[in-house]
Amino acid sequence: MRQIRRSLHRHPELAFEEMQTAALICSELEPPGIPARSGVAGTGIVAVLKKGDGPVVALRAGYGCPADTGVYRTGVCL
């Protein structure tokens, strides 16, 4: 997990341009058998965690580096 976080922070991508980030996330979801679909609304990902019938919970996370903070220009998104 630490290596993934460090990789994401060392290679920031602007919002709506997170192609490498999306590919990394999907590749990490594949080994444990979590089905994921990328390209949703551009660079979004939908993954389904399912265990029987029951209530549904939706989670949302953003993963783009904001360009207006000046952090993106340094090459490191904190």
C-alpha atoms as a PDB file:
ATOM      1  CA  MET A   1       0.000   0.000   0.000  1.00  0.00           C
ATOM      2  CA  ARG A   2       2.831   2.375   0.847  1.00  0.00           C
ATOM      3  CA  GLN A   3       4.484   1.799  -2.544  1.00  0.00           C
ATOM      4  CA  ILE A   4       1.233   2.564  -4.348  1.00  0.00           C
ATOM      5  CA  ARG A   5       0.720   5.789  -2.394  1.00  0.00           C
ATOM      6  CA  ARG A   6       4.290   6.899  -3.032  1.00  0.00           C
ATOM      7  CA  SER A   7       4.020   6.132  -6.734  1.00  0.00           C
ATOM      8  CA  LEU A   8       0.806   8.143  -7.040  1.00  0.00           C
ATOM      9  CA  HIS A   9       2.348  11.105  -5.252  1.00  0.00           C
ATOM     10  CA  ARG A  10       5.544  10.983  -7.324  1.00  0.00           C
ATOM     11  CA  HIS A  11       3.612  10.931 -10.612  1.00  0.00           C
ATOM     12  CA  PRO A  12       0.709  13.340 -10.143  1.00  0.00           C
ATOM     13  CA  GLU A  13      -1.876  13.752 -12.862  1.00  0.00           C
ATOM     14  CA  LEU A  14      -4.248  16.656 -13.255  1.00  0.00           C
ATOM     15  CA  ALA A  15      -7.959  16.159 -12.686  1.00  0.00           C
ATOM     16  CA  PHE A  16      -9.651  14.475 -15.663  1.00  0.00           C
ATOM     17  CA  GLU A  17      -6.223  13.375 -17.006  1.00  0.00           C
ATOM     18  CA  GLU A  18      -5.565  10.528 -14.548  1.00  0.00           C
ATOM     19  CA  MET A  19      -5.076   7.748 -17.105  1.00  0.00           C
ATOM     20  CA  GLN A  20      -2.029   6.160 -15.406  1.00  0.00           C
ATOM     21  CA  THR A  21      -3.646   6.473 -11.988  1.00  0.00           C
ATOM     22  CA  ALA A  22      -6.814   4.760 -13.194  1.00  0.00           C
ATOM     23  CA  ALA A  23      -4.774   1.961 -14.798  1.00  0.00           C
ATOM     24  CA  LEU A  24      -2.825   1.443 -11.568  1.00  0.00           C
ATOM     25  CA  ILE A  25      -5.980   1.273  -9.464  1.00  0.00           C
ATOM     26  CA  CYS A  26      -7.623  -1.216 -11.829  1.00  0.00           C
ATOM     27  CA  SER A  27      -4.485  -3.378 -11.881  1.00  0.00           C
ATOM     28  CA  GLU A  28      -4.484  -3.470  -8.068  1.00  0.00           C
ATOM     29  CA  LEU A  29      -8.161  -4.474  -7.947  1.00  0.00           C
ATOM     30  CA  GLU A  30      -7.717  -7.373 -10.376  1.00  0.00           C
ATOM     31  CA  PRO A  31      -5.606  -9.824  -8.273  1.00  0.00           C
ATOM     32  CA  PRO A  32      -8.109 -10.066  -5.384  1.00  0.00           C
ATOM     33  CA  GLY A  33     -10.885 -10.602  -7.948  1.00  0.00           C
ATOM     34  CA  ILE A  34     -12.624  -7.244  -7.649  1.00  0.00           C
ATOM     35  CA  PRO A  35     -14.270  -6.467 -10.984  1.00  0.00           C
ATOM     36  CA  ALA A  36     -13.548  -2.916 -12.105  1.00  0.00           C
ATOM     37  CA  ARG A  37     -14.466  -0.883 -15.164  1.00  0.00           C
ATOM     38  CA  SER A  38     -12.381   2.111 -16.179  1.00  0.00           C
ATOM     39  CA  GLY A  39     -13.171   4.958 -18.557  1.00  0.00           C
ATOM     40  CA  VAL A  40     -16.332   5.937 -16.691  1.00  0.00           C
ATOM     41  CA  ALA A  41     -17.023   9.620 -17.459  1.00  0.00           C
ATOM     42  CA  GLY A  42     -13.499   9.836 -18.838  1.00  0.00           C
ATOM     43  CA  THR A  43     -11.031   8.648 -16.223  1.00  0.00           C
ATOM     44  CA  GLY A  44     -13.409   7.298 -13.575  1.00  0.00           C
ATOM     45  CA  ILE A  45     -13.518   3.737 -12.255  1.00  0.00           C
ATOM     46  CA  VAL A  46     -16.437   1.651 -11.052  1.00  0.00           C
ATOM     47  CA  ALA A  47     -15.650  -1.396  -8.916  1.00  0.00           C
ATOM     48  CA  VAL A  48     -18.164  -3.766  -7.374  1.00  0.00           C
ATOM     49  CA  LEU A  49     -17.622  -5.361  -3.986  1.00  0.00           C
ATOM     50  CA  LYS A  50     -20.376  -7.869  -3.487  1.00  0.00           C
ATOM     51  CA  LYS A  51     -21.228 -10.268  -0.721  1.00  0.00           C
ATOM     52  CA  GLY A  52     -24.748 -11.631  -0.870  1.00  0.00           C
ATOM     53  CA  ASP A  53     -27.950  -9.657  -1.033  1.00  0.00           C
ATOM     54  CA  GLY A  54     -28.448  -6.620   1.085  1.00  0.00           C
ATOM     55  CA  PRO A  55     -28.171  -2.872   1.266  1.00  0.00           C
ATOM     56  CA  VAL A  56     -26.037  -1.033  -1.279  1.00  0.00           C
ATOM     57  CA  VAL A  57     -23.387   1.517  -0.357  1.00  0.00           C
ATOM     58  CA  ALA A  58     -21.728   3.798  -2.896  1.00  0.00           C
ATOM     59  CA  LEU A  59     -18.323   5.358  -2.208  1.00  0.00           C
ATOM     60  CA  ARG A  60     -16.649   8.133  -4.165  1.00  0.00           C
ATOM     61  CA  ALA A  61     -13.023   9.203  -4.096  1.00  0.00           C
ATOM     62  CA  GLY A  62     -11.176  11.826  -6.090  1.00  0.00           C
ATOM     63  CA  TYR A  63      -7.611  11.216  -7.182  1.00  0.00           C
ATOM     64  CA  GLY A  64      -6.510  14.108  -9.385  1.00  0.00           C
ATOM     65  CA  CYS A  65      -3.835  16.567  -8.326  1.00  0.00           C
ATOM     66  CA  PRO A  66      -5.188  20.119  -8.258  1.00  0.00           C
ATOM     67  CA  ALA A  67      -3.172  22.324 -10.626  1.00  0.00           C
ATOM     68  CA  ASP A  68      -4.049  25.562  -8.871  1.00  0.00           C
ATOM     69  CA  THR A  69      -2.115  24.679  -5.708  1.00  0.00           C
ATOM     70  CA  GLY A  70       1.292  24.941  -7.348  1.00  0.00           C
ATOM     71  CA  VAL A  71       2.100  21.443  -6.098  1.00  0.00           C
ATOM     72  CA  TYR A  72       1.606  19.871  -9.532  1.00  0.00           C
ATOM     73  CA  ARG A  73       4.338  22.022 -11.079  1.00  0.00           C
ATOM     74  CA  THR A  74       6.895  20.652  -8.613  1.00  0.00           C
ATOM     75  CA  GLY A  75       6.236  17.081  -9.754  1.00  0.00           C
ATOM     76  CA  VAL A  76       5.136  15.985  -6.299  1.00  0.00           C
ATOM     77  CA  CYS A  77       1.524  16.011  -5.163  1.00  0.00           C
ATOM     78  CA  LEU A  78       1.282  15.993  -1.376  1.00  0.00           C
END
